Structures are given as C-alpha cells and as structure tokens.
Amino acid sequence: MINLTYDDIQLVPGYSEISSRKNIDLKTKITTRFDLQMPLVAAPMGTVCDFAMANEMRKMGGVGCLHRFMSIGEQESVIKKLVASRTEDHINMPIMAAVGANGDFFERAQALIQSGAEIVLIDVAHGHHKNVKDAIEKIKTIKSSVDVIAGNIATAKAAIDLQNWGADALRVGVGGGSLCTTRIKTGFGVPNVTCLTEILKVANVPVIADGGIRTSGDISKALALGASTVMLGSLLAGTEEAPGLLIQKNNGLYKKYSGAASFDTKVTYGQEIRNIEGESTIISYKGKLDMVVSSLLDGVKSALSYAGANNLKEFRPEYIQITNSGINEAKPHLI
C-alpha cells in the first residue's frame, strides 16, 4: 500500500453552480457539541496561542487552544479574560485550553473548567496511551457539559479506542508538524492523507487535522478528506497576535517559532531537558492575524467552488495521486 501526504494528491474539479464564493458557508464542528463559523484552530503552542491569539480567533469565528506551558494560575487567568471578552462582545465561539495527561493535569483541568473553559484538549504527542484513557475519564467527571479532545493519533485503532474512552473529538497527525522531528528521531508516523483517510473511516466524532499544513490548498485537501477542522501552527506564527516580541534584523522583522517538544520550549518553560523532538526558528513577521486568516479562507472558499460545494458537508471531491512532475507543475514555474 502506498501511503500519501498532501503533496501526493490533487483534488479533481467538479461541476459547479456556485454564483459567488462569498456565499459559501464554512460552518463546522470542533467537537460533538460545539460549532465554529470557520474550520481553523490555533495550535496550543507557546509561540502560537495565548490570550491575544485565542481572543482574535474567537472573534473571527474560529477557536484558539490556549497552550499549557504556564502555571495553572496563569492559564486560569487567561481563561477568565477570554470569558470576560466574550461576555462583552457576545461572539459565542467556545473557549478551549490544553492540559497534559500526567502531573497536575487534573487540577489544571478543574481550574480551567471552573474559570469557563468549555473544551479541554489533552495535549500529548502519543494519544493512544493509557495515560490519555485515564485523563479522559477523570476530566469527564469534572463537568458533564465540557467536551474533551484527545490525540495525537495516527491509526484507526487509536481512533476507535479514544472514542470508546469518551473523546468528543480526535486530534489526528503524528510527526508532521513543520518543526517536529518525531519521524526522524523515532521512525514513527503516518503520512497525513493516509492517516486522515483511515481514521475518518471509523470516526463518529469530529476530526481535527493537525500537522503538515503549509497552504490553503493543504487546508482544503484535509477538509475534502472529511476533517471538520484544521489545526494551524506555523501558518499563524509570526502574526501580531502570536506570543513573543518582534525581532529586528537587517532584512526585516521576525518572531520566534518553537516546536512544542523543542529544546527551546523546554528551557523557556522550565521543563526537564529530555525527549527533544522538535526544532526552533524565527519566522517572518506577518502582520495582523485577520489578514492571514482571510487569505487562507479565501483559498478554501475557492476550493469549494471548484467542487461545486456550498458548504463543508457537500465538499467531498475526488482526488488523484500525482508524481513529482505533477507537484512541480502545480507550482508557479516562470518565477
């Protein structure tokens, strides 16, 4: 069996009666109970999502998952700020935060939920694990109206188990992040298209495609396969709302971007320096988040129009496998 990732496929255009891309509806589900107005989720990374990112994503109809690399009190304080902001503007997208699966995760989840978090994401690299099973069960005892997202996973068996354990959504993808070195260091991982395809065959809760997303075309491919949302790290890093100070160099402005399991992240947040499976870099400053997100959504709406789809439920185009020549042909080749 040939296993595929986003570069290996192209979506096939279909008959369309779409009169205007402006009318295309991108509403979707992030979990079994909570809806979004757009299918984008900011990743729970220290250089991607804190208050400013989560709040702006909420205002635009998406969601940002508040990262866990801070004290319980600090994370609790950010959740309270998000709740207060939502109370003032009445833009009722869910509030979401990450916890781990050991250590203080239960106390952290309790504090976050009591402060107003409605979705808790169990943020671990290998989600098909007893620790995740136990964490889902314990978090579910805190408040029945809170949904739990579990992952990361890469197999259908993992999806079946996590659903049986009570997960309300699945975070799918292992080793495909732009700064992730898991596949190099361990040899483990499944290419993203195959990973999604196999899991979506058995999924009965929303699926979040996580990792390997570099363009709006990749977002469109993940959604076409059946993912409900796409989690973004590098595409949102470097924006004004991303955490971190601007770094000025001779050739422009930058912000730091670090993988969740990178040496830099572990040092910054006082973690034990072991199991390094990520890198750090600087990324060009991109300006305001809304400009970046608007451009990505324009591409996704255009994709739906090529498929004749008015909404994401209708967006199920065929795809074909392509060769390296096809990959090259797909890029602008005059410049």
Protein backbone atom coordinates (compact mmCIF):
# COMPACT_ATOMS: atom_id res chain seq x y z
CA MET A 1 0.00 0.00 0.00
CA ILE A 2 1.28 3.45 -0.92
CA ASN A 3 0.84 5.95 1.91
CA LEU A 4 0.15 9.53 0.89
CA THR A 5 0.54 13.03 2.22
CA TYR A 6 -0.80 16.38 0.99
CA ASP A 7 1.80 16.92 -1.74
CA ASP A 8 0.99 13.48 -3.19
CA ILE A 9 -2.58 14.34 -4.15
CA GLN A 10 -4.60 16.91 -6.09
CA LEU A 11 -8.34 17.47 -5.82
CA VAL A 12 -10.32 16.94 -9.02
CA PRO A 13 -12.64 19.79 -10.16
CA GLY A 14 -16.34 19.02 -10.43
CA TYR A 15 -19.50 20.57 -11.86
CA SER A 16 -20.39 23.80 -10.06
CA GLU A 17 -23.29 26.20 -9.87
CA ILE A 18 -21.67 28.44 -7.25
CA SER A 19 -22.58 32.01 -8.20
CA SER A 20 -20.31 33.72 -5.66
CA ARG A 21 -17.63 32.44 -3.33
CA LYS A 22 -18.86 34.98 -0.79
CA ASN A 23 -21.95 32.82 -0.25
CA ILE A 24 -20.02 29.67 0.64
CA ASP A 25 -20.66 28.52 4.22
CA LEU A 26 -17.67 27.29 6.23
CA LYS A 27 -19.53 26.44 9.44
CA THR A 28 -18.32 23.24 11.08
CA LYS A 29 -17.95 21.38 14.36
CA ILE A 30 -14.89 21.43 16.60
CA THR A 31 -16.38 18.76 18.93
CA THR A 32 -19.64 16.86 19.13
CA ARG A 33 -21.33 19.75 20.94
CA PHE A 34 -19.56 22.91 19.86
CA ASP A 35 -19.77 24.67 16.48
CA LEU A 36 -17.46 27.12 14.72
CA GLN A 37 -18.06 29.62 11.93
CA MET A 38 -14.80 28.64 10.23
CA PRO A 39 -12.70 25.44 10.26
CA LEU A 40 -9.46 26.85 11.69
CA VAL A 41 -7.95 26.15 15.12
CA ALA A 42 -4.84 27.82 16.55
CA ALA A 43 -2.46 25.20 17.95
CA PRO A 44 -1.69 25.06 21.70
CA MET A 45 1.93 26.13 21.31
CA GLY A 46 3.80 28.69 23.37
CA THR A 47 4.71 30.73 20.30
CA VAL A 48 1.25 30.46 18.72
CA CYS A 49 -1.67 30.76 21.14
CA ASP A 50 -2.11 32.78 24.28
CA PHE A 51 -4.84 35.36 25.07
CA ALA A 52 -4.41 37.62 22.03
CA MET A 53 -4.48 34.73 19.52
CA ALA A 54 -7.33 32.87 21.22
CA ASN A 55 -9.43 36.02 21.51
CA GLU A 56 -8.91 37.11 17.91
CA MET A 57 -9.58 33.61 16.56
CA ARG A 58 -12.81 33.57 18.58
CA LYS A 59 -13.88 36.93 17.16
CA MET A 60 -13.32 35.62 13.62
CA GLY A 61 -15.48 32.56 14.25
CA GLY A 62 -12.74 30.01 14.93
CA VAL A 63 -11.02 28.94 18.11
CA GLY A 64 -7.58 29.14 19.64
CA CYS A 65 -6.44 26.45 22.05
CA LEU A 66 -4.65 28.15 24.94
CA HIS A 67 -1.28 26.47 25.47
CA ARG A 68 -0.42 24.77 28.79
CA PHE A 69 3.17 25.95 29.18
CA MET A 70 2.40 28.22 32.12
CA SER A 71 1.29 27.86 35.73
CA ILE A 72 -2.26 26.78 36.49
CA GLY A 73 -2.96 30.25 37.88
CA GLU A 74 -1.67 31.97 34.74
CA GLN A 75 -3.70 29.73 32.45
CA GLU A 76 -6.78 30.17 34.63
CA SER A 77 -6.34 33.96 34.45
CA VAL A 78 -6.25 33.90 30.63
CA ILE A 79 -9.44 31.81 30.51
CA LYS A 80 -11.18 34.35 32.73
CA LYS A 81 -10.07 37.16 30.40
CA LEU A 82 -11.46 35.25 27.41
CA VAL A 83 -14.78 34.73 29.19
CA ALA A 84 -14.96 38.43 30.07
CA SER A 85 -14.17 39.46 26.50
CA ARG A 86 -16.87 37.14 25.16
CA THR A 87 -19.38 38.49 27.66
CA GLU A 88 -18.77 42.00 26.32
CA ASP A 89 -18.91 41.26 22.60
CA HIS A 90 -21.32 38.26 22.58
CA ILE A 91 -19.34 36.39 19.91
CA ASN A 92 -20.12 32.97 21.28
CA MET A 93 -17.42 30.70 20.00
CA PRO A 94 -16.23 28.11 22.55
CA ILE A 95 -13.29 28.67 24.89
CA MET A 96 -10.64 25.98 24.71
CA ALA A 97 -7.47 25.15 26.63
CA ALA A 98 -4.85 22.42 26.75
CA VAL A 99 -3.72 20.17 29.58
CA GLY A 100 -1.28 17.26 29.69
CA ALA A 101 -2.04 13.69 30.71
CA ASN A 102 0.04 13.37 33.87
CA GLY A 103 1.36 15.51 36.70
CA ASP A 104 -1.02 18.35 37.56
CA PHE A 105 -3.37 17.77 34.61
CA PHE A 106 -6.46 17.08 36.73
CA GLU A 107 -6.02 20.11 38.99
CA ARG A 108 -5.30 22.18 35.88
CA ALA A 109 -8.43 20.90 34.12
CA GLN A 110 -10.53 21.62 37.21
CA ALA A 111 -9.25 25.20 37.40
CA LEU A 112 -9.74 25.82 33.67
CA ILE A 113 -13.28 24.44 33.66
CA GLN A 114 -14.25 26.38 36.78
CA SER A 115 -12.91 29.52 35.08
CA GLY A 116 -15.05 28.98 31.99
CA ALA A 117 -13.24 26.64 29.58
CA GLU A 118 -15.77 24.59 27.61
CA ILE A 119 -13.34 22.38 25.68
CA VAL A 120 -10.28 20.71 27.19
CA LEU A 121 -7.65 19.33 24.82
CA ILE A 122 -5.35 16.61 26.12
CA ASP A 123 -2.10 17.76 24.53
CA VAL A 124 0.30 14.83 24.19
CA ALA A 125 2.43 13.54 21.32
CA HIS A 126 1.19 9.93 21.51
CA GLY A 127 -2.52 9.88 22.27
CA HIS A 128 -3.05 6.12 22.02
CA HIS A 129 -1.89 5.65 25.60
CA LYS A 130 -3.25 4.56 28.97
CA ASN A 131 -2.45 7.99 30.41
CA VAL A 132 -4.83 9.55 27.87
CA LYS A 133 -7.52 6.99 28.63
CA ASP A 134 -7.28 7.79 32.35
CA ALA A 135 -7.17 11.55 31.68
CA ILE A 136 -10.34 11.48 29.57
CA GLU A 137 -12.20 9.54 32.24
CA LYS A 138 -11.08 11.86 35.06
CA ILE A 139 -11.73 15.12 33.18
CA LYS A 140 -15.21 13.90 32.25
CA THR A 141 -16.06 13.72 35.98
CA ILE A 142 -15.49 17.45 36.48
CA LYS A 143 -18.42 18.80 34.46
CA SER A 144 -20.70 16.93 32.07
CA SER A 145 -21.10 19.86 29.65
CA VAL A 146 -17.36 20.09 28.89
CA ASP A 147 -16.06 18.36 25.76
CA VAL A 148 -12.68 16.62 25.68
CA ILE A 149 -10.44 16.46 22.60
CA ALA A 150 -7.85 13.68 22.59
CA GLY A 151 -4.82 12.85 20.47
CA ASN A 152 -2.50 12.99 18.74
CA ILE A 153 -3.20 9.75 16.92
CA ALA A 154 -2.40 8.22 13.54
CA THR A 155 -4.36 4.94 13.25
CA ALA A 156 -7.94 3.74 13.01
CA LYS A 157 -7.41 1.50 16.05
CA ALA A 158 -6.40 4.53 18.09
CA ALA A 159 -9.48 6.43 16.89
CA ILE A 160 -11.80 3.58 17.90
CA ASP A 161 -10.20 3.33 21.33
CA LEU A 162 -10.25 7.07 22.04
CA GLN A 163 -13.90 7.27 21.05
CA ASN A 164 -14.69 4.34 23.34
CA TRP A 165 -12.82 6.12 26.12
CA GLY A 166 -15.11 9.15 25.68
CA ALA A 167 -13.29 11.58 23.39
CA ASP A 168 -15.58 14.23 21.86
CA ALA A 169 -13.15 14.98 19.00
CA LEU A 170 -9.91 13.49 17.67
CA ARG A 171 -6.68 15.37 17.01
CA VAL A 172 -5.09 13.50 14.12
CA GLY A 173 -1.49 13.53 12.94
CA VAL A 174 1.83 12.28 14.33
CA GLY A 175 5.18 13.73 13.32
CA GLY A 176 4.02 16.02 10.51
CA GLY A 177 4.48 19.44 12.11
CA SER A 178 6.79 21.94 10.45
CA LEU A 179 9.27 21.84 13.35
CA CYS A 180 8.58 18.29 14.54
CA THR A 181 11.41 15.75 14.42
CA THR A 182 9.48 12.73 15.75
CA ARG A 183 9.62 10.81 12.46
CA ILE A 184 13.37 11.43 12.17
CA LYS A 185 14.23 10.65 15.80
CA THR A 186 11.92 7.68 16.32
CA GLY A 187 10.95 6.41 12.87
CA PHE A 188 7.27 6.57 13.82
CA GLY A 189 4.49 8.41 12.00
CA VAL A 190 1.95 8.02 9.20
CA PRO A 191 1.75 10.39 6.19
CA ASN A 192 -1.13 12.78 6.71
CA VAL A 193 -3.52 11.87 3.88
CA THR A 194 -3.36 8.16 4.70
CA CYS A 195 -3.61 8.92 8.40
CA LEU A 196 -6.76 11.01 7.93
CA THR A 197 -8.34 8.63 5.43
CA GLU A 198 -8.01 5.59 7.68
CA ILE A 199 -9.24 7.39 10.79
CA LEU A 200 -12.18 9.03 9.03
CA LYS A 201 -13.45 5.58 8.04
CA VAL A 202 -14.15 4.84 11.72
CA ALA A 203 -14.65 8.30 13.22
CA ASN A 204 -18.03 9.21 14.70
CA VAL A 205 -16.80 12.43 16.31
CA PRO A 206 -15.24 15.48 14.62
CA VAL A 207 -11.65 15.09 13.40
CA ILE A 208 -9.02 17.83 13.66
CA ALA A 209 -6.26 17.53 11.05
CA ASP A 210 -3.02 18.55 12.73
CA GLY A 211 0.41 18.90 11.12
CA GLY A 212 1.86 19.30 7.65
CA ILE A 213 -0.44 22.19 6.67
CA ARG A 214 1.56 24.76 4.69
CA THR A 215 -1.02 26.40 2.39
CA SER A 216 -4.73 26.99 1.96
CA GLY A 217 -4.56 24.18 -0.57
CA ASP A 218 -3.45 21.78 2.17
CA ILE A 219 -6.30 23.01 4.38
CA SER A 220 -8.71 22.34 1.53
CA LYS A 221 -7.33 18.83 1.00
CA ALA A 222 -7.74 17.97 4.70
CA LEU A 223 -11.32 19.26 4.70
CA ALA A 224 -12.10 17.45 1.44
CA LEU A 225 -10.98 14.18 3.01
CA GLY A 226 -13.50 14.76 5.79
CA ALA A 227 -11.70 16.60 8.59
CA SER A 228 -14.03 19.01 10.39
CA THR A 229 -11.27 21.47 11.27
CA VAL A 230 -7.56 22.02 10.69
CA MET A 231 -5.11 22.95 13.44
CA LEU A 232 -2.52 25.55 12.46
CA GLY A 233 0.85 26.37 13.98
CA SER A 234 3.37 27.77 11.51
CA LEU A 235 0.71 29.47 9.38
CA LEU A 236 -0.39 31.59 12.36
CA ALA A 237 3.03 32.01 13.99
CA GLY A 238 4.70 35.33 13.29
CA THR A 239 1.45 37.30 13.31
CA GLU A 240 0.94 40.29 15.57
CA GLU A 241 -1.33 38.24 17.85
CA ALA A 242 1.15 35.36 18.23
CA PRO A 243 3.10 35.45 21.53
CA GLY A 244 6.61 36.86 21.57
CA LEU A 245 8.48 40.07 20.89
CA LEU A 246 9.40 41.33 17.45
CA ILE A 247 12.99 40.61 16.45
CA GLN A 248 14.55 43.21 14.18
CA LYS A 249 17.20 42.11 11.69
CA ASN A 250 18.79 43.90 8.75
CA ASN A 251 16.43 42.18 6.32
CA GLY A 252 13.19 42.62 8.23
CA LEU A 253 11.10 41.79 11.30
CA TYR A 254 10.71 38.31 12.78
CA LYS A 255 9.16 36.37 15.65
CA LYS A 256 10.33 33.18 17.30
CA TYR A 257 8.53 29.92 16.48
CA SER A 258 9.30 26.81 18.51
CA GLY A 259 8.08 23.24 18.31
CA ALA A 260 6.18 22.05 21.40
CA ALA A 261 8.86 19.42 22.18
CA SER A 262 11.84 21.56 21.20
CA PHE A 263 14.84 22.31 23.41
CA ASP A 264 13.90 25.99 23.34
CA THR A 265 10.35 25.33 24.59
CA LYS A 266 11.59 23.05 27.38
CA VAL A 267 14.15 25.63 28.54
CA THR A 268 11.72 28.54 28.29
CA TYR A 269 9.07 26.83 30.39
CA GLY A 270 11.35 25.07 32.86
CA GLN A 271 10.69 21.52 31.66
CA GLU A 272 13.02 18.56 32.00
CA ILE A 273 15.52 18.61 29.13
CA ARG A 274 14.93 15.21 27.56
CA ASN A 275 12.95 13.63 24.70
CA ILE A 276 13.69 16.54 22.38
CA GLU A 277 11.53 16.01 19.26
CA GLY A 278 11.28 19.49 17.79
CA GLU A 279 13.20 22.47 16.47
CA SER A 280 13.05 26.25 16.88
CA THR A 281 13.43 29.03 14.36
CA ILE A 282 12.46 32.60 13.63
CA ILE A 283 9.65 33.32 11.21
CA SER A 284 8.97 36.46 9.19
CA TYR A 285 6.57 38.89 10.82
CA LYS A 286 3.22 38.57 9.02
CA GLY A 287 1.24 41.49 10.44
CA LYS A 288 -2.35 41.23 11.68
CA LEU A 289 -3.91 37.82 12.11
CA ASP A 290 -7.14 38.74 10.32
CA MET A 291 -5.28 39.36 7.06
CA VAL A 292 -3.61 35.94 7.25
CA VAL A 293 -6.83 34.12 8.13
CA SER A 294 -8.84 35.97 5.47
CA SER A 295 -6.34 34.90 2.81
CA LEU A 296 -6.48 31.26 3.95
CA LEU A 297 -10.28 31.26 3.97
CA ASP A 298 -10.39 32.84 0.51
CA GLY A 299 -8.40 29.87 -0.74
CA VAL A 300 -10.69 27.39 1.00
CA LYS A 301 -13.84 29.03 -0.39
CA SER A 302 -12.31 28.97 -3.84
CA ALA A 303 -11.64 25.25 -3.39
CA LEU A 304 -15.27 24.62 -2.50
CA SER A 305 -16.36 26.50 -5.61
CA TYR A 306 -14.19 24.22 -7.80
CA ALA A 307 -16.03 21.26 -6.26
CA GLY A 308 -19.49 22.81 -6.62
CA ALA A 309 -19.91 22.70 -2.84
CA ASN A 310 -21.98 25.29 -0.97
CA ASN A 311 -20.70 24.13 2.41
CA LEU A 312 -18.25 21.75 4.02
CA LYS A 313 -20.77 18.90 4.22
CA GLU A 314 -21.04 18.95 0.42
CA PHE A 315 -17.26 19.23 -0.04
CA ARG A 316 -16.23 15.70 -0.99
CA PRO A 317 -14.37 15.95 -4.31
CA GLU A 318 -12.41 13.06 -5.74
CA TYR A 319 -8.64 13.21 -5.52
CA ILE A 320 -5.86 11.70 -7.60
CA GLN A 321 -2.33 10.69 -6.77
CA ILE A 322 0.32 12.69 -8.63
CA THR A 323 4.01 12.28 -9.43
CA ASN A 324 6.89 14.61 -8.64
CA SER A 325 6.33 16.14 -12.08
CA GLY A 326 2.76 16.91 -11.05
CA ILE A 327 3.99 18.55 -7.86
CA ASN A 328 6.37 20.71 -9.89
CA GLU A 329 3.68 21.58 -12.44
CA ALA A 330 1.38 22.72 -9.62
CA LYS A 331 3.82 25.45 -8.63
CA PRO A 332 4.37 28.74 -10.47
CA HIS A 333 7.13 27.75 -12.88
CA LEU A 334 8.01 31.06 -14.52
CA ILE A 335 9.47 32.59 -11.36
